[in-house]
Amino acid sequence: MLNLETGSDSLSNFTRQTSDYLAHLHETGAPLVLTVDGKAEVVVQDAAAYQRMAELADQAEREAFRAAVQEGLDDVDAGRVKPALPAIRALAVKYGFKDPGID
């Protein structure tokens, strides 16, 4: 996890000692925030650690999608759904839109 107190340094230091910083990034896998004039500007990270993070994010998105689909299927099974067309027409009437013309 990113720690802004211990995981940051200036871009100037990084530029002067790039090979040392890269070795540290490879060794720890932890990201490093680079600052300019004391403000966080960029984050650098070992490529392998980034790949792991991207894969975890992708997996989390797939799991969230599966859970949402399952929730919808559960709603259908439990009878907690309404046909879309009458619902759309009711919303159009409620909010003063003309008939959406969906048949």
C-alpha atoms as a PDB file:
ATOM      1  CA  MET A   1       0.000   0.000   0.000  1.00  0.00           C
ATOM      2  CA  LEU A   2       1.143   3.515  -0.731  1.00  0.00           C
ATOM      3  CA  ASN A   3       2.492   5.400   2.281  1.00  0.00           C
ATOM      4  CA  LEU A   4       2.841   9.109   1.513  1.00  0.00           C
ATOM      5  CA  GLU A   5       5.032   9.711   4.547  1.00  0.00           C
ATOM      6  CA  THR A   6       7.662   7.069   3.872  1.00  0.00           C
ATOM      7  CA  GLY A   7       7.006   6.328   0.198  1.00  0.00           C
ATOM      8  CA  SER A   8       7.795   9.700  -1.318  1.00  0.00           C
ATOM      9  CA  ASP A   9      10.804  11.668  -2.446  1.00  0.00           C
ATOM     10  CA  SER A  10      11.601  14.532  -4.765  1.00  0.00           C
ATOM     11  CA  LEU A  11      11.765  14.106  -8.504  1.00  0.00           C
ATOM     12  CA  SER A  12      15.201  15.753  -8.355  1.00  0.00           C
ATOM     13  CA  ASN A  13      16.551  13.020  -6.047  1.00  0.00           C
ATOM     14  CA  PHE A  14      14.995  10.344  -8.242  1.00  0.00           C
ATOM     15  CA  THR A  15      16.628  11.857 -11.331  1.00  0.00           C
ATOM     16  CA  ARG A  16      20.059  11.996  -9.668  1.00  0.00           C
ATOM     17  CA  GLN A  17      19.891   8.455  -8.260  1.00  0.00           C
ATOM     18  CA  THR A  18      17.595   6.643 -10.678  1.00  0.00           C
ATOM     19  CA  SER A  19      19.404   3.300 -10.575  1.00  0.00           C
ATOM     20  CA  ASP A  20      19.292   3.217  -6.748  1.00  0.00           C
ATOM     21  CA  TYR A  21      15.577   4.020  -6.742  1.00  0.00           C
ATOM     22  CA  LEU A  22      14.853   1.405  -9.415  1.00  0.00           C
ATOM     23  CA  ALA A  23      16.703  -1.226  -7.406  1.00  0.00           C
ATOM     24  CA  HIS A  24      14.607  -0.310  -4.359  1.00  0.00           C
ATOM     25  CA  LEU A  25      11.384  -0.431  -6.396  1.00  0.00           C
ATOM     26  CA  HIS A  26      12.270  -3.892  -7.730  1.00  0.00           C
ATOM     27  CA  GLU A  27      13.263  -5.116  -4.273  1.00  0.00           C
ATOM     28  CA  THR A  28      10.190  -3.892  -2.399  1.00  0.00           C
ATOM     29  CA  GLY A  29       7.508  -3.764  -5.077  1.00  0.00           C
ATOM     30  CA  ALA A  30       6.189  -0.683  -3.278  1.00  0.00           C
ATOM     31  CA  PRO A  31       5.236   2.409  -5.291  1.00  0.00           C
ATOM     32  CA  LEU A  32       7.048   5.704  -4.824  1.00  0.00           C
ATOM     33  CA  VAL A  33       5.451   9.147  -5.003  1.00  0.00           C
ATOM     34  CA  LEU A  34       7.675  11.723  -6.626  1.00  0.00           C
ATOM     35  CA  THR A  35       7.199  15.319  -5.587  1.00  0.00           C
ATOM     36  CA  VAL A  36       7.909  18.661  -7.207  1.00  0.00           C
ATOM     37  CA  ASP A  37       8.141  21.628  -4.874  1.00  0.00           C
ATOM     38  CA  GLY A  38       6.779  19.426  -2.086  1.00  0.00           C
ATOM     39  CA  LYS A  39       3.640  18.420  -3.987  1.00  0.00           C
ATOM     40  CA  ALA A  40       2.913  14.897  -5.166  1.00  0.00           C
ATOM     41  CA  GLU A  41       3.201  14.808  -8.958  1.00  0.00           C
ATOM     42  CA  VAL A  42       3.697  11.224 -10.141  1.00  0.00           C
ATOM     43  CA  VAL A  43       3.848   7.678  -8.848  1.00  0.00           C
ATOM     44  CA  VAL A  44       6.470   5.227 -10.081  1.00  0.00           C
ATOM     45  CA  GLN A  45       6.197   1.514  -9.541  1.00  0.00           C
ATOM     46  CA  ASP A  46       7.956  -1.696 -10.462  1.00  0.00           C
ATOM     47  CA  ALA A  47       6.365  -3.201 -13.603  1.00  0.00           C
ATOM     48  CA  ALA A  48       5.723  -6.593 -11.967  1.00  0.00           C
ATOM     49  CA  ALA A  49       4.012  -4.960  -8.978  1.00  0.00           C
ATOM     50  CA  TYR A  50       1.920  -2.839 -11.340  1.00  0.00           C
ATOM     51  CA  GLN A  51       0.896  -5.944 -13.288  1.00  0.00           C
ATOM     52  CA  ARG A  52      -0.218  -7.660 -10.068  1.00  0.00           C
ATOM     53  CA  MET A  53      -2.216  -4.587  -9.081  1.00  0.00           C
ATOM     54  CA  ALA A  54      -3.860  -4.380 -12.521  1.00  0.00           C
ATOM     55  CA  GLU A  55      -4.775  -8.077 -12.401  1.00  0.00           C
ATOM     56  CA  LEU A  56      -6.313  -7.677  -8.943  1.00  0.00           C
ATOM     57  CA  ALA A  57      -8.330  -4.677 -10.117  1.00  0.00           C
ATOM     58  CA  ASP A  58      -9.544  -6.633 -13.151  1.00  0.00           C
ATOM     59  CA  GLN A  59     -10.507  -9.586 -10.968  1.00  0.00           C
ATOM     60  CA  ALA A  60     -12.404  -7.292  -8.575  1.00  0.00           C
ATOM     61  CA  GLU A  61     -14.327  -5.752 -11.491  1.00  0.00           C
ATOM     62  CA  ARG A  62     -15.273  -9.209 -12.815  1.00  0.00           C
ATOM     63  CA  GLU A  63     -16.421 -10.317  -9.357  1.00  0.00           C
ATOM     64  CA  ALA A  64     -18.497  -7.147  -8.896  1.00  0.00           C
ATOM     65  CA  PHE A  65     -20.110  -7.694 -12.308  1.00  0.00           C
ATOM     66  CA  ARG A  66     -20.903 -11.314 -11.495  1.00  0.00           C
ATOM     67  CA  ALA A  67     -22.417 -10.269  -8.154  1.00  0.00           C
ATOM     68  CA  ALA A  68     -24.586  -7.631  -9.854  1.00  0.00           C
ATOM     69  CA  VAL A  69     -25.810 -10.113 -12.441  1.00  0.00           C
ATOM     70  CA  GLN A  70     -26.550 -12.658  -9.721  1.00  0.00           C
ATOM     71  CA  GLU A  71     -28.478 -10.036  -7.757  1.00  0.00           C
ATOM     72  CA  GLY A  72     -30.597  -9.332 -10.834  1.00  0.00           C
ATOM     73  CA  LEU A  73     -31.252 -13.025 -11.371  1.00  0.00           C
ATOM     74  CA  ASP A  74     -32.209 -13.390  -7.714  1.00  0.00           C
ATOM     75  CA  ASP A  75     -34.651 -10.475  -8.121  1.00  0.00           C
ATOM     76  CA  VAL A  76     -36.237 -12.202 -11.115  1.00  0.00           C
ATOM     77  CA  ASP A  77     -36.516 -15.476  -9.202  1.00  0.00           C
ATOM     78  CA  ALA A  78     -38.108 -13.682  -6.230  1.00  0.00           C
ATOM     79  CA  GLY A  79     -40.567 -11.740  -8.398  1.00  0.00           C
ATOM     80  CA  ARG A  80     -39.076  -8.346  -7.540  1.00  0.00           C
ATOM     81  CA  VAL A  81     -39.139  -7.097 -11.136  1.00  0.00           C
ATOM     82  CA  LYS A  82     -41.567  -5.264 -13.385  1.00  0.00           C
ATOM     83  CA  PRO A  83     -41.792  -5.242 -17.174  1.00  0.00           C
ATOM     84  CA  ALA A  84     -39.683  -2.391 -18.578  1.00  0.00           C
ATOM     85  CA  LEU A  85     -42.179  -0.922 -21.038  1.00  0.00           C
ATOM     86  CA  PRO A  86     -44.918  -0.060 -18.517  1.00  0.00           C
ATOM     87  CA  ALA A  87     -42.277   1.337 -16.150  1.00  0.00           C
ATOM     88  CA  ILE A  88     -40.794   3.572 -18.875  1.00  0.00           C
ATOM     89  CA  ARG A  89     -44.250   4.805 -19.878  1.00  0.00           C
ATOM     90  CA  ALA A  90     -45.139   5.535 -16.249  1.00  0.00           C
ATOM     91  CA  LEU A  91     -41.941   7.553 -15.815  1.00  0.00           C
ATOM     92  CA  ALA A  92     -42.642   9.477 -19.032  1.00  0.00           C
ATOM     93  CA  VAL A  93     -46.122  10.400 -17.784  1.00  0.00           C
ATOM     94  CA  LYS A  94     -44.857  11.239 -14.286  1.00  0.00           C
ATOM     95  CA  TYR A  95     -42.175  13.619 -15.579  1.00  0.00           C
ATOM     96  CA  GLY A  96     -44.186  15.113 -18.423  1.00  0.00           C
ATOM     97  CA  PHE A  97     -42.346  13.584 -21.344  1.00  0.00           C
ATOM     98  CA  LYS A  98     -44.246  12.588 -24.408  1.00  0.00           C
ATOM     99  CA  ASP A  99     -44.763   8.877 -24.992  1.00  0.00           C
ATOM    100  CA  PRO A 100     -41.362   7.343 -25.712  1.00  0.00           C
ATOM    101  CA  GLY A 101     -42.899   5.445 -28.631  1.00  0.00           C
ATOM    102  CA  ILE A 102     -41.550   2.107 -27.523  1.00  0.00           C
ATOM    103  CA  ASP A 103     -43.684  -0.845 -28.545  1.00  0.00           C
END
